[in-house]
């Protein structure tokens, strides 16, 4: 909960975690702010300290990161690494291509999945017309 699969914000958070994976001494909130802003395509100064603190707290409470003792630095946990890798790979390799196949404005791929969704959509439209619910 709180880090939903299709939420772009959660997706950017997981990508940012992967950027800091190999840092031995961890990362600071200012580093995180810069990379998160870059991933979202906005200037870093538009992120307030409170917003970054909130995001770091979310990640820490979900045990994706841990705070290094006696410092203001964070480190990606093993669980955080596995979850971030899984999330970003599933999103890139399954979710995006799958959604691209079923969208009506997608290029004609003539996939069985796209045909099934078109059949489902036409059946729903027929039921709406039958029930006289059309606007």
Protein backbone atom coordinates (compact mmCIF):
# COMPACT_ATOMS: atom_id res chain seq x y z
CA UNK A 1 0.00 0.00 0.00
CA UNK A 2 1.12 3.53 -0.62
CA UNK A 3 3.51 2.58 -3.44
CA UNK A 4 1.04 1.64 -6.15
CA UNK A 5 2.24 -0.19 -9.23
CA UNK A 6 0.92 2.15 -11.94
CA UNK A 7 1.60 5.35 -9.98
CA UNK A 8 4.21 7.42 -11.85
CA UNK A 9 5.50 8.86 -8.56
CA UNK A 10 6.21 5.37 -7.19
CA UNK A 11 7.85 4.44 -10.47
CA UNK A 12 10.18 7.45 -10.21
CA UNK A 13 11.00 6.59 -6.60
CA UNK A 14 12.05 3.06 -7.54
CA UNK A 15 14.16 4.31 -10.42
CA UNK A 16 15.86 6.79 -8.10
CA UNK A 17 16.63 3.97 -5.65
CA UNK A 18 18.42 2.05 -8.37
CA UNK A 19 20.59 5.09 -9.08
CA UNK A 20 21.94 5.05 -5.52
CA UNK A 21 22.51 1.32 -5.27
CA UNK A 22 26.30 1.26 -5.54
CA UNK A 23 27.11 4.18 -3.25
CA UNK A 24 29.07 2.76 -0.32
CA UNK A 25 28.44 5.72 1.98
CA UNK A 26 24.76 6.08 1.05
CA UNK A 27 22.95 9.14 -0.26
CA UNK A 28 21.63 12.37 1.17
CA UNK A 29 18.18 13.84 0.73
CA UNK A 30 19.59 16.58 -1.53
CA UNK A 31 21.03 13.92 -3.86
CA UNK A 32 17.69 12.15 -3.86
CA UNK A 33 15.87 15.40 -4.60
CA UNK A 34 18.02 16.13 -7.64
CA UNK A 35 17.63 12.68 -9.18
CA UNK A 36 13.91 12.46 -8.44
CA UNK A 37 13.34 15.86 -10.02
CA UNK A 38 15.37 14.83 -13.08
CA UNK A 39 13.30 11.66 -13.45
CA UNK A 40 10.09 13.67 -13.26
CA UNK A 41 11.40 16.29 -15.68
CA UNK A 42 11.10 19.25 -13.35
CA UNK A 43 13.58 21.58 -11.65
CA UNK A 44 14.93 20.37 -8.31
CA UNK A 45 14.06 23.63 -6.58
CA UNK A 46 10.35 22.90 -7.09
CA UNK A 47 10.66 20.02 -4.61
CA UNK A 48 10.41 21.29 -1.07
CA UNK A 49 12.25 19.72 1.83
CA UNK A 50 8.99 18.46 3.26
CA UNK A 51 8.10 16.63 0.04
CA UNK A 52 11.48 14.88 -0.08
CA UNK A 53 11.28 14.03 3.63
CA UNK A 54 7.85 12.53 3.01
CA UNK A 55 9.12 10.39 0.12
CA UNK A 56 12.14 9.20 2.11
CA UNK A 57 9.92 8.35 5.07
CA UNK A 58 7.61 6.33 2.80
CA UNK A 59 10.57 4.37 1.48
CA UNK A 60 11.99 3.86 4.96
CA UNK A 61 8.67 2.67 6.42
CA UNK A 62 8.33 0.20 3.55
CA UNK A 63 11.88 -0.96 4.38
CA UNK A 64 13.22 0.04 0.95
CA UNK A 65 15.91 2.21 2.51
CA UNK A 66 17.54 2.48 5.91
CA UNK A 67 19.10 5.43 7.62
CA UNK A 68 22.79 5.09 8.38
CA UNK A 69 23.52 5.51 12.09
CA UNK A 70 24.74 8.89 13.33
CA UNK A 71 24.31 10.56 9.92
CA UNK A 72 21.77 12.10 7.59
CA UNK A 73 22.44 9.52 4.89
CA UNK A 74 20.40 6.59 3.63
CA UNK A 75 21.23 3.25 2.05
CA UNK A 76 19.14 1.00 -0.20
CA UNK A 77 18.28 -2.26 1.57
CA UNK A 78 18.46 -5.69 -0.03
CA UNK A 79 14.67 -5.81 -0.01
CA UNK A 80 14.56 -2.34 -1.56
CA UNK A 81 16.90 -3.44 -4.32
CA UNK A 82 14.86 -6.54 -5.11
CA UNK A 83 11.55 -4.67 -5.01
CA UNK A 84 12.86 -1.80 -7.18
CA UNK A 85 14.34 -4.18 -9.75
CA UNK A 86 11.19 -6.27 -9.87
CA UNK A 87 8.90 -3.24 -10.09
CA UNK A 88 10.86 -1.48 -12.83
CA UNK A 89 11.38 -4.63 -14.90
CA UNK A 90 7.75 -5.72 -14.73
CA UNK A 91 6.64 -2.20 -15.62
CA UNK A 92 9.02 -1.94 -18.58
CA UNK A 93 8.70 -5.47 -19.95
CA UNK A 94 5.09 -6.44 -19.20
CA UNK A 95 2.87 -3.52 -18.22
CA UNK A 96 3.82 -0.94 -20.86
CA UNK A 97 3.83 -3.37 -23.82
CA UNK A 98 0.59 -4.97 -22.62
CA UNK A 99 -1.18 -1.63 -22.31
CA UNK A 100 0.18 -0.56 -25.70
CA UNK A 101 -1.43 -3.62 -27.28
CA UNK A 102 -4.91 -2.90 -25.96
CA UNK A 103 -5.13 0.87 -26.37
CA UNK A 104 -7.45 1.94 -29.18
CA UNK A 105 -5.01 4.58 -30.47
CA UNK A 106 -2.09 2.15 -30.55
CA UNK A 107 -0.56 1.27 -33.91
CA UNK A 108 -2.28 -1.70 -35.51
CA UNK A 109 -0.59 -4.75 -34.03
CA UNK A 110 -3.44 -7.17 -34.63
CA UNK A 111 -2.66 -9.06 -31.47
CA UNK A 112 -5.07 -11.54 -29.93
CA UNK A 113 -5.13 -9.44 -26.76
CA UNK A 114 -6.13 -6.32 -28.70
CA UNK A 115 -8.87 -8.25 -30.56
CA UNK A 116 -10.21 -9.63 -27.27
CA UNK A 117 -10.41 -6.16 -25.72
CA UNK A 118 -12.13 -4.79 -28.83
CA UNK A 119 -14.68 -7.61 -28.62
CA UNK A 120 -15.21 -6.90 -24.92
CA UNK A 121 -15.64 -3.18 -25.57
CA UNK A 122 -18.17 -3.78 -28.36
CA UNK A 123 -20.13 -6.18 -26.10
CA UNK A 124 -20.21 -3.60 -23.29
CA UNK A 125 -21.42 -0.97 -25.78
CA UNK A 126 -24.14 -3.34 -27.00
CA UNK A 127 -25.31 -3.98 -23.42
CA UNK A 128 -25.40 -0.23 -22.77
CA UNK A 129 -27.51 0.35 -25.88
CA UNK A 130 -29.79 -2.55 -24.91
CA UNK A 131 -30.32 -1.09 -21.43
CA UNK A 132 -30.78 2.37 -23.01
CA UNK A 133 -28.10 3.88 -20.79
CA UNK A 134 -26.30 5.74 -23.58
CA UNK A 135 -26.10 9.48 -23.12
